[in-house]
PDB file of all heavy atoms in Angstrom:
ATOM      1  N   SER A   1     -11.566  15.184 -10.845  1.00  0.00           N
ATOM      2  CA  SER A   1     -11.002  13.860 -10.608  1.00  0.00           C
ATOM      3  C   SER A   1     -11.844  13.240  -9.517  1.00  0.00           C
ATOM      4  O   SER A   1     -12.189  13.890  -8.538  1.00  0.00           O
ATOM      5  CB  SER A   1      -9.554  13.964 -10.155  1.00  0.00           C
ATOM      6  OG  SER A   1      -9.079  12.731  -9.667  1.00  0.00           O
ATOM      7  N   LEU A   2     -12.173  11.954  -9.679  1.00  0.00           N
ATOM      8  CA  LEU A   2     -13.068  11.306  -8.720  1.00  0.00           C
ATOM      9  C   LEU A   2     -12.330  10.281  -7.871  1.00  0.00           C
ATOM     10  O   LEU A   2     -12.865   9.232  -7.527  1.00  0.00           O
ATOM     11  CB  LEU A   2     -14.260  10.673  -9.448  1.00  0.00           C
ATOM     12  CG  LEU A   2     -15.267  11.653 -10.040  1.00  0.00           C
ATOM     13  CD1 LEU A   2     -16.380  10.929 -10.745  1.00  0.00           C
ATOM     14  CD2 LEU A   2     -15.831  12.571  -8.944  1.00  0.00           C
ATOM     15  N   GLY A   3     -11.086  10.586  -7.548  1.00  0.00           N
ATOM     16  CA  GLY A   3     -10.358   9.720  -6.620  1.00  0.00           C
ATOM     17  C   GLY A   3     -10.686  10.091  -5.172  1.00  0.00           C
ATOM     18  O   GLY A   3     -10.641  11.265  -4.798  1.00  0.00           O
ATOM     19  N   ILE A   4     -11.038   9.078  -4.363  1.00  0.00           N
ATOM     20  CA  ILE A   4     -11.235   9.319  -2.946  1.00  0.00           C
ATOM     21  C   ILE A   4     -10.033   8.745  -2.210  1.00  0.00           C
ATOM     22  O   ILE A   4      -9.399   7.785  -2.683  1.00  0.00           O
ATOM     23  CB  ILE A   4     -12.557   8.698  -2.427  1.00  0.00           C
ATOM     24  CG1 ILE A   4     -12.542   7.183  -2.564  1.00  0.00           C
ATOM     25  CG2 ILE A   4     -13.733   9.284  -3.152  1.00  0.00           C
ATOM     26  CD1 ILE A   4     -13.737   6.525  -1.978  1.00  0.00           C
ATOM     27  N   GLY A   5      -9.690   9.323  -1.080  1.00  0.00           N
ATOM     28  CA  GLY A   5      -8.455   8.926  -0.421  1.00  0.00           C
ATOM     29  C   GLY A   5      -8.555   8.812   1.075  1.00  0.00           C
ATOM     30  O   GLY A   5      -9.434   9.385   1.716  1.00  0.00           O
ATOM     31  N   ALA A   6      -7.634   8.055   1.643  1.00  0.00           N
ATOM     32  CA  ALA A   6      -7.392   7.985   3.078  1.00  0.00           C
ATOM     33  C   ALA A   6      -5.919   8.284   3.299  1.00  0.00           C
ATOM     34  O   ALA A   6      -5.047   7.687   2.655  1.00  0.00           O
ATOM     35  CB  ALA A   6      -7.755   6.604   3.631  1.00  0.00           C
ATOM     36  N   VAL A   7      -5.638   9.222   4.190  1.00  0.00           N
ATOM     37  CA  VAL A   7      -4.265   9.652   4.468  1.00  0.00           C
ATOM     38  C   VAL A   7      -3.914   9.236   5.884  1.00  0.00           C
ATOM     39  O   VAL A   7      -4.522   9.700   6.846  1.00  0.00           O
ATOM     40  CB  VAL A   7      -4.124  11.176   4.300  1.00  0.00           C
ATOM     41  CG1 VAL A   7      -2.652  11.578   4.464  1.00  0.00           C
ATOM     42  CG2 VAL A   7      -4.653  11.634   2.958  1.00  0.00           C
ATOM     43  N   ALA A   8      -2.916   8.381   6.010  1.00  0.00           N
ATOM     44  CA  ALA A   8      -2.457   7.941   7.320  1.00  0.00           C
ATOM     45  C   ALA A   8      -1.172   8.672   7.653  1.00  0.00           C
ATOM     46  O   ALA A   8      -0.210   8.661   6.856  1.00  0.00           O
ATOM     47  CB  ALA A   8      -2.227   6.438   7.336  1.00  0.00           C
ATOM     48  N   VAL A   9      -1.140   9.311   8.817  1.00  0.00           N
ATOM     49  CA  VAL A   9       0.098   9.909   9.325  1.00  0.00           C
ATOM     50  C   VAL A   9       0.690   8.908  10.314  1.00  0.00           C
ATOM     51  O   VAL A   9       0.034   8.507  11.267  1.00  0.00           O
ATOM     52  CB  VAL A   9      -0.183  11.255   9.999  1.00  0.00           C
ATOM     53  CG1 VAL A   9       1.119  11.844  10.567  1.00  0.00           C
ATOM     54  CG2 VAL A   9      -0.820  12.226   9.021  1.00  0.00           C
ATOM     55  N   ILE A  10       1.941   8.501  10.051  1.00  0.00           N
ATOM     56  CA  ILE A  10       2.512   7.339  10.737  1.00  0.00           C
ATOM     57  C   ILE A  10       3.820   7.744  11.434  1.00  0.00           C
ATOM     58  O   ILE A  10       4.588   8.563  10.917  1.00  0.00           O
ATOM     59  CB  ILE A  10       2.767   6.217   9.713  1.00  0.00           C
ATOM     60  CG1 ILE A  10       1.450   5.911   8.949  1.00  0.00           C
ATOM     61  CG2 ILE A  10       3.269   4.939  10.397  1.00  0.00           C
ATOM     62  CD1 ILE A  10       1.646   5.020   7.743  1.00  0.00           C
ATOM     63  N   SER A  11       4.074   7.174  12.593  1.00  0.00           N
ATOM     64  CA  SER A  11       5.266   7.511  13.374  1.00  0.00           C
ATOM     65  C   SER A  11       6.518   6.889  12.780  1.00  0.00           C
ATOM     66  O   SER A  11       6.453   5.860  12.080  1.00  0.00           O
ATOM     67  CB  SER A  11       5.096   7.060  14.822  1.00  0.00           C
ATOM     68  OG  SER A  11       4.982   5.644  14.883  1.00  0.00           O
ATOM     69  N   GLY A  12       7.665   7.471  13.099  1.00  0.00           N
ATOM     70  CA  GLY A  12       8.953   6.908  12.701  1.00  0.00           C
ATOM     71  C   GLY A  12       9.280   7.138  11.241  1.00  0.00           C
ATOM     72  O   GLY A  12       8.759   8.028  10.586  1.00  0.00           O
ATOM     73  N   ALA A  13      10.148   6.274  10.731  1.00  0.00           N
ATOM     74  CA  ALA A  13      10.581   6.349   9.340  1.00  0.00           C
ATOM     75  C   ALA A  13       9.864   5.276   8.524  1.00  0.00           C
ATOM     76  O   ALA A  13       9.511   4.219   9.057  1.00  0.00           O
ATOM     77  CB  ALA A  13      12.084   6.158   9.246  1.00  0.00           C
ATOM     78  N   PRO A  14       9.626   5.528   7.237  1.00  0.00           N
ATOM     79  CA  PRO A  14       8.946   4.528   6.414  1.00  0.00           C
ATOM     80  C   PRO A  14       9.821   3.309   6.166  1.00  0.00           C
ATOM     81  O   PRO A  14      11.054   3.384   6.337  1.00  0.00           O
ATOM     82  CB  PRO A  14       8.660   5.274   5.106  1.00  0.00           C
ATOM     83  CG  PRO A  14       9.719   6.329   5.039  1.00  0.00           C
ATOM     84  CD  PRO A  14       9.978   6.746   6.452  1.00  0.00           C
ATOM     85  N   PRO A  15       9.230   2.196   5.749  1.00  0.00           N
ATOM     86  CA  PRO A  15      10.032   1.038   5.367  1.00  0.00           C
ATOM     87  C   PRO A  15      10.812   1.334   4.094  1.00  0.00           C
ATOM     88  O   PRO A  15      10.588   2.369   3.455  1.00  0.00           O
ATOM     89  CB  PRO A  15       8.981  -0.059   5.146  1.00  0.00           C
ATOM     90  CG  PRO A  15       7.752   0.704   4.742  1.00  0.00           C
ATOM     91  CD  PRO A  15       7.794   1.983   5.530  1.00  0.00           C
ATOM     92  N   THR A  16      11.681   0.433   3.712  1.00  0.00           N
ATOM     93  CA  THR A  16      12.358   0.589   2.431  1.00  0.00           C
ATOM     94  C   THR A  16      11.377   0.350   1.296  1.00  0.00           C
ATOM     95  O   THR A  16      10.308  -0.221   1.491  1.00  0.00           O
ATOM     96  CB  THR A  16      13.522  -0.397   2.304  1.00  0.00           C
ATOM     97  OG1 THR A  16      12.996  -1.731   2.247  1.00  0.00           O
ATOM     98  CG2 THR A  16      14.480  -0.273   3.483  1.00  0.00           C
ATOM     99  N   ARG A  17      11.749   0.758   0.130  1.00  0.00           N
ATOM    100  CA  ARG A  17      10.870   0.572  -1.020  1.00  0.00           C
ATOM    101  C   ARG A  17      10.639  -0.896  -1.301  1.00  0.00           C
ATOM    102  O   ARG A  17       9.521  -1.305  -1.639  1.00  0.00           O
ATOM    103  CB  ARG A  17      11.476   1.278  -2.248  1.00  0.00           C
ATOM    104  CG  ARG A  17      11.626   2.766  -2.032  1.00  0.00           C
ATOM    105  CD  ARG A  17      12.004   3.487  -3.292  1.00  0.00           C
ATOM    106  NE  ARG A  17      12.162   4.913  -3.018  1.00  0.00           N
ATOM    107  CZ  ARG A  17      12.090   5.868  -3.922  1.00  0.00           C
ATOM    108  NH1 ARG A  17      11.807   5.551  -5.181  1.00  0.00           N
ATOM    109  NH2 ARG A  17      12.245   7.136  -3.600  1.00  0.00           N
ATOM    110  N   ALA A  18      11.672  -1.694  -1.140  1.00  0.00           N
ATOM    111  CA  ALA A  18      11.546  -3.134  -1.387  1.00  0.00           C
ATOM    112  C   ALA A  18      10.609  -3.765  -0.358  1.00  0.00           C
ATOM    113  O   ALA A  18       9.788  -4.624  -0.701  1.00  0.00           O
ATOM    114  CB  ALA A  18      12.913  -3.798  -1.344  1.00  0.00           C
ATOM    115  N   GLN A  19      10.740  -3.349   0.904  1.00  0.00           N
ATOM    116  CA  GLN A  19       9.869  -3.913   1.945  1.00  0.00           C
ATOM    117  C   GLN A  19       8.401  -3.564   1.700  1.00  0.00           C
ATOM    118  O   GLN A  19       7.514  -4.398   1.809  1.00  0.00           O
ATOM    119  CB  GLN A  19      10.309  -3.379   3.318  1.00  0.00           C
ATOM    120  CG  GLN A  19      11.616  -3.935   3.833  1.00  0.00           C
ATOM    121  CD  GLN A  19      12.089  -3.212   5.074  1.00  0.00           C
ATOM    122  OE1 GLN A  19      11.751  -2.063   5.321  1.00  0.00           O
ATOM    123  NE2 GLN A  19      12.900  -3.899   5.881  1.00  0.00           N
ATOM    124  N   PHE A  20       8.153  -2.299   1.357  1.00  0.00           N
ATOM    125  CA  PHE A  20       6.773  -1.886   1.115  1.00  0.00           C
ATOM    126  C   PHE A  20       6.176  -2.633  -0.071  1.00  0.00           C
ATOM    127  O   PHE A  20       5.043  -3.113  -0.024  1.00  0.00           O
ATOM    128  CB  PHE A  20       6.715  -0.371   0.874  1.00  0.00           C
ATOM    129  CG  PHE A  20       5.317   0.172   0.771  1.00  0.00           C
ATOM    130  CD1 PHE A  20       4.617   0.516   1.904  1.00  0.00           C
ATOM    131  CD2 PHE A  20       4.697   0.321  -0.463  1.00  0.00           C
ATOM    132  CE1 PHE A  20       3.314   0.997   1.812  1.00  0.00           C
ATOM    133  CE2 PHE A  20       3.410   0.807  -0.577  1.00  0.00           C
ATOM    134  CZ  PHE A  20       2.720   1.154   0.573  1.00  0.00           C
ATOM    135  N   ALA A  21       6.938  -2.734  -1.155  1.00  0.00           N
ATOM    136  CA  ALA A  21       6.442  -3.412  -2.347  1.00  0.00           C
ATOM    137  C   ALA A  21       6.198  -4.882  -2.086  1.00  0.00           C
ATOM    138  O   ALA A  21       5.200  -5.455  -2.595  1.00  0.00           O
ATOM    139  CB  ALA A  21       7.445  -3.235  -3.502  1.00  0.00           C
ATOM    140  N   GLU A  22       7.027  -5.519  -1.284  1.00  0.00           N
ATOM    141  CA  GLU A  22       6.864  -6.946  -1.012  1.00  0.00           C
ATOM    142  C   GLU A  22       5.546  -7.217  -0.255  1.00  0.00           C
ATOM    143  O   GLU A  22       4.792  -8.133  -0.619  1.00  0.00           O
ATOM    144  CB  GLU A  22       8.033  -7.456  -0.201  1.00  0.00           C
ATOM    145  CG  GLU A  22       7.947  -8.930   0.158  1.00  0.00           C
ATOM    146  CD  GLU A  22       9.107  -9.413   1.004  1.00  0.00           C
ATOM    147  OE1 GLU A  22       9.933  -8.572   1.446  1.00  0.00           O
ATOM    148  OE2 GLU A  22       9.206 -10.632   1.256  1.00  0.00           O
ATOM    149  N   VAL A  23       5.261  -6.412   0.756  1.00  0.00           N
ATOM    150  CA  VAL A  23       4.043  -6.605   1.536  1.00  0.00           C
ATOM    151  C   VAL A  23       2.824  -6.264   0.688  1.00  0.00           C
ATOM    152  O   VAL A  23       1.816  -6.974   0.706  1.00  0.00           O
ATOM    153  CB  VAL A  23       4.060  -5.740   2.809  1.00  0.00           C
ATOM    154  CG1 VAL A  23       2.712  -5.782   3.523  1.00  0.00           C
ATOM    155  CG2 VAL A  23       5.174  -6.228   3.745  1.00  0.00           C
ATOM    156  N   LEU A  24       2.898  -5.188  -0.097  1.00  0.00           N
ATOM    157  CA  LEU A  24       1.767  -4.797  -0.931  1.00  0.00           C
ATOM    158  C   LEU A  24       1.465  -5.876  -1.962  1.00  0.00           C
ATOM    159  O   LEU A  24       0.294  -6.166  -2.247  1.00  0.00           O
ATOM    160  CB  LEU A  24       2.051  -3.461  -1.608  1.00  0.00           C
ATOM    161  CG  LEU A  24       0.935  -2.883  -2.485  1.00  0.00           C
ATOM    162  CD1 LEU A  24      -0.357  -2.739  -1.696  1.00  0.00           C
ATOM    163  CD2 LEU A  24       1.356  -1.546  -3.063  1.00  0.00           C
ATOM    164  N   ALA A  25       2.508  -6.480  -2.530  1.00  0.00           N
ATOM    165  CA  ALA A  25       2.301  -7.537  -3.498  1.00  0.00           C
ATOM    166  C   ALA A  25       1.537  -8.713  -2.894  1.00  0.00           C
ATOM    167  O   ALA A  25       0.684  -9.323  -3.547  1.00  0.00           O
ATOM    168  CB  ALA A  25       3.648  -8.002  -4.066  1.00  0.00           C
ATOM    169  N   GLY A  26       1.842  -9.029  -1.641  1.00  0.00           N
ATOM    170  CA  GLY A  26       1.110 -10.085  -0.952  1.00  0.00           C
ATOM    171  C   GLY A  26      -0.358  -9.759  -0.759  1.00  0.00           C
ATOM    172  O   GLY A  26      -1.225 -10.624  -0.871  1.00  0.00           O
ATOM    173  N   ARG A  27      -0.664  -8.489  -0.495  1.00  0.00           N
ATOM    174  CA  ARG A  27      -2.055  -8.077  -0.315  1.00  0.00           C
ATOM    175  C   ARG A  27      -2.831  -8.185  -1.643  1.00  0.00           C
ATOM    176  O   ARG A  27      -4.023  -8.493  -1.634  1.00  0.00           O
ATOM    177  CB  ARG A  27      -2.119  -6.637   0.206  1.00  0.00           C
ATOM    178  CG  ARG A  27      -1.446  -6.406   1.538  1.00  0.00           C
ATOM    179  CD  ARG A  27      -2.142  -7.125   2.662  1.00  0.00           C
ATOM    180  NE  ARG A  27      -1.700  -6.646   3.948  1.00  0.00           N
ATOM    181  CZ  ARG A  27      -0.801  -7.243   4.714  1.00  0.00           C
ATOM    182  NH1 ARG A  27      -0.249  -8.396   4.314  1.00  0.00           N
ATOM    183  NH2 ARG A  27      -0.433  -6.742   5.872  1.00  0.00           N
ATOM    184  N   LEU A  28      -2.146  -7.931  -2.743  1.00  0.00           N
ATOM    185  CA  LEU A  28      -2.841  -7.985  -4.036  1.00  0.00           C
ATOM    186  C   LEU A  28      -3.319  -9.396  -4.359  1.00  0.00           C
ATOM    187  O   LEU A  28      -4.319  -9.577  -5.080  1.00  0.00           O
ATOM    188  CB  LEU A  28      -1.930  -7.488  -5.159  1.00  0.00           C
ATOM    189  CG  LEU A  28      -1.468  -6.045  -5.092  1.00  0.00           C
ATOM    190  CD1 LEU A  28      -0.677  -5.687  -6.335  1.00  0.00           C
ATOM    191  CD2 LEU A  28      -2.645  -5.108  -4.951  1.00  0.00           C
ATOM    192  N   ASP A  29      -2.606 -10.388  -3.842  1.00  0.00           N
ATOM    193  CA  ASP A  29      -3.029 -11.760  -4.114  1.00  0.00           C
ATOM    194  C   ASP A  29      -4.376 -12.085  -3.471  1.00  0.00           C
ATOM    195  O   ASP A  29      -5.025 -13.046  -3.847  1.00  0.00           O
ATOM    196  CB  ASP A  29      -1.973 -12.745  -3.563  1.00  0.00           C
ATOM    197  CG  ASP A  29      -0.670 -12.668  -4.345  1.00  0.00           C
ATOM    198  OD1 ASP A  29      -0.712 -12.220  -5.519  1.00  0.00           O
ATOM    199  OD2 ASP A  29       0.387 -13.011  -3.787  1.00  0.00           O
ATOM    200  N   GLU A  30      -4.804 -11.266  -2.513  1.00  0.00           N
ATOM    201  CA  GLU A  30      -6.064 -11.488  -1.794  1.00  0.00           C
ATOM    202  C   GLU A  30      -7.240 -10.805  -2.473  1.00  0.00           C
ATOM    203  O   GLU A  30      -8.370 -11.026  -2.098  1.00  0.00           O
ATOM    204  CB  GLU A  30      -5.940 -11.014  -0.348  1.00  0.00           C
ATOM    205  CG  GLU A  30      -4.844 -11.721   0.430  1.00  0.00           C
ATOM    206  CD  GLU A  30      -4.489 -10.977   1.695  1.00  0.00           C
ATOM    207  OE1 GLU A  30      -5.081  -9.906   1.930  1.00  0.00           O
ATOM    208  OE2 GLU A  30      -3.651 -11.482   2.452  1.00  0.00           O
ATOM    209  N   ASN A  31      -6.963  -9.912  -3.430  1.00  0.00           N
ATOM    210  CA  ASN A  31      -8.073  -9.162  -4.072  1.00  0.00           C
ATOM    211  C   ASN A  31      -7.764  -8.980  -5.547  1.00  0.00           C
ATOM    212  O   ASN A  31      -6.967  -8.117  -5.929  1.00  0.00           O
ATOM    213  CB  ASN A  31      -8.268  -7.824  -3.383  1.00  0.00           C
ATOM    214  CG  ASN A  31      -9.611  -7.209  -3.769  1.00  0.00           C
ATOM    215  OD1 ASN A  31     -10.139  -7.486  -4.844  1.00  0.00           O
ATOM    216  ND2 ASN A  31     -10.150  -6.401  -2.903  1.00  0.00           N
ATOM    217  N   ALA A  32      -8.413  -9.750  -6.372  1.00  0.00           N
ATOM    218  CA  ALA A  32      -8.180  -9.694  -7.810  1.00  0.00           C
ATOM    219  C   ALA A  32      -8.558  -8.333  -8.401  1.00  0.00           C
ATOM    220  O   ALA A  32      -8.027  -7.929  -9.433  1.00  0.00           O
ATOM    221  CB  ALA A  32      -8.949 -10.796  -8.498  1.00  0.00           C
ATOM    222  N   ARG A  33      -9.510  -7.643  -7.765  1.00  0.00           N
ATOM    223  CA  ARG A  33      -9.975  -6.348  -8.310  1.00  0.00           C
ATOM    224  C   ARG A  33      -8.802  -5.360  -8.442  1.00  0.00           C
ATOM    225  O   ARG A  33      -8.792  -4.507  -9.374  1.00  0.00           O
ATOM    226  CB  ARG A  33     -11.065  -5.751  -7.423  1.00  0.00           C
ATOM    227  CG  ARG A  33     -11.615  -4.424  -7.899  1.00  0.00           C
ATOM    228  CD  ARG A  33     -12.452  -4.567  -9.195  1.00  0.00           C
ATOM    229  NE  ARG A  33     -13.797  -4.999  -8.872  1.00  0.00           N
ATOM    230  CZ  ARG A  33     -14.349  -6.077  -9.363  1.00  0.00           C
ATOM    231  NH1 ARG A  33     -13.669  -6.870 -10.179  1.00  0.00           N
ATOM    232  NH2 ARG A  33     -15.579  -6.439  -9.044  1.00  0.00           N
ATOM    233  N   LEU A  34      -7.834  -5.434  -7.557  1.00  0.00           N
ATOM    234  CA  LEU A  34      -6.709  -4.480  -7.577  1.00  0.00           C
ATOM    235  C   LEU A  34      -5.785  -4.729  -8.763  1.00  0.00           C
ATOM    236  O   LEU A  34      -4.908  -3.924  -9.038  1.00  0.00           O
ATOM    237  CB  LEU A  34      -5.934  -4.554  -6.267  1.00  0.00           C
ATOM    238  CG  LEU A  34      -6.725  -4.161  -5.031  1.00  0.00           C
ATOM    239  CD1 LEU A  34      -5.881  -4.312  -3.776  1.00  0.00           C
ATOM    240  CD2 LEU A  34      -7.261  -2.732  -5.140  1.00  0.00           C
ATOM    241  N   ARG A  35      -5.959  -5.845  -9.451  1.00  0.00           N
ATOM    242  CA  ARG A  35      -5.172  -6.145 -10.662  1.00  0.00           C
ATOM    243  C   ARG A  35      -6.011  -5.959 -11.921  1.00  0.00           C
ATOM    244  O   ARG A  35      -5.546  -6.270 -13.006  1.00  0.00           O
ATOM    245  CB  ARG A  35      -4.658  -7.583 -10.613  1.00  0.00           C
ATOM    246  CG  ARG A  35      -3.635  -7.863  -9.530  1.00  0.00           C
ATOM    247  CD  ARG A  35      -3.198  -9.326  -9.570  1.00  0.00           C
ATOM    248  NE  ARG A  35      -2.168  -9.595  -8.594  1.00  0.00           N
ATOM    249  CZ  ARG A  35      -0.852  -9.469  -8.789  1.00  0.00           C
ATOM    250  NH1 ARG A  35      -0.430  -9.073  -9.968  1.00  0.00           N
ATOM    251  NH2 ARG A  35       0.019  -9.751  -7.856  1.00  0.00           N
TER     252      ARG A  35
END
C-alpha cells in the first residue's frame, strides 16, 4: 500500500463527529483535488 501518513497526538478529548466533519468540509472547499 502506498499511503503516506502524518499522525498527530493531541491533548484532551476529540471534537464531536459533527464538529470535525463541519470544519473538514470547509477545508475541502479550498482544495478541489481532495474531491
